[in-house]
Amino acid sequence: MSSMARETPECQAGGAGSCRRRAGLVLGALVWWGGAAQAQVVRGRVLEADTRKPVPEARVLVRPVTDSSVLGALTAADGSFAVRLPRQGRYEVEVARLGYRPQREGPFEVAQGGVLDLEIILPVLPYTLDPVTVAAEVNSRMLQAVGFYDRKRADFGHFLTRDQIETRRASRPSDLLRAIPGVSIVPDPRAPGRVRVQMRGTHPAEGGPCAPRVFVDGLIAIRGDSRPPRLPGTASQGDIEDVFEGDPRAPEPSLDDIVSPEQIEAIEVYRSASQVPAQFGGAGPFTRCGVLVIWTRRGR
């Protein structure tokens, strides 16, 4: 076969000049369509305002001013992006990323086949959640073992836990009891500068206010007014064992002398003998007043 192109009938009829003119028209058409096919591009980088570091995975939206269509892209690891536009015109660029203040740039005029280069700076805007308050009581193993929480659920007394003690910021244990109804803090006439804890007596005939018995970690630290009565006509206790036997003239220690607020893990306050649980004497003949139970942070 010959390598020469075969002439069309039109070329044969019109001569070589006619063929050259037709080829020129076809070439011109191809050049014109090639120019129209060139895409318009918006490209650039998104950077953090303070550090000038690239911002990856930012959402870039390009909106024509004349209609509601939207074109978009996500920035790469180096903060770069590129969005091809379907036609020339005026465009706005919006950039958003969690943790940054959104930015809007433009409008910009993009020519036919033009490239618009942008550098968009995003100010840092830390994402914050609404404050959440969580209220919870963290059970102490020691308090669980001694039955503190069981008695608290029974609701026969008044209970203070470690978090409440810290909130009150008391300098003395007696200050922790001042806001409890039925409990009074009075000066101790036997010891100037000290105070005593008073509650109401079980029987009105026994003289009204009385001094409660105080337990510390399950042991009696202050006997108060709850003690076995002396049998009439006898100098001893007879068949009733007085575990507090000693010199009755010796003053008992003050509550503020035996423990400090920093040492206290929890407090149980039973304001009358009728409230006192059995393990602390109950409402028996030896319990004529309320009872104060203190658990230290060292436990037993």
Foldseek 3Di string as FASTA:
>chain_A
DDPDDDDDVVCVVPDPVVVVVVVVVVVVVVVVVVLQPQWEKEKEFEAEDPPRAGDWQKKKWKAAPVDGDIWIDTAHNRRIDMTTDPAWHWIKMWIDDAQWDIDIDDRDGIHRNRYHYDYHYTYGHGDDDDDDDDDDDDDDPLCVVVCVVVLVVVPLWDKDFLVNLVVVPDFFPVVVCPPPPQWDWAADPVDPPHIAIWGFWPDVVVPTIWGAFEAELLHTQRLTQQWADADPPDPDNPPDDTPPDDPPVDDGDHRRVPDTSVFFGMKTWRRYLCSDDVSVPHNDNRGGGIYIYTYTPVHD
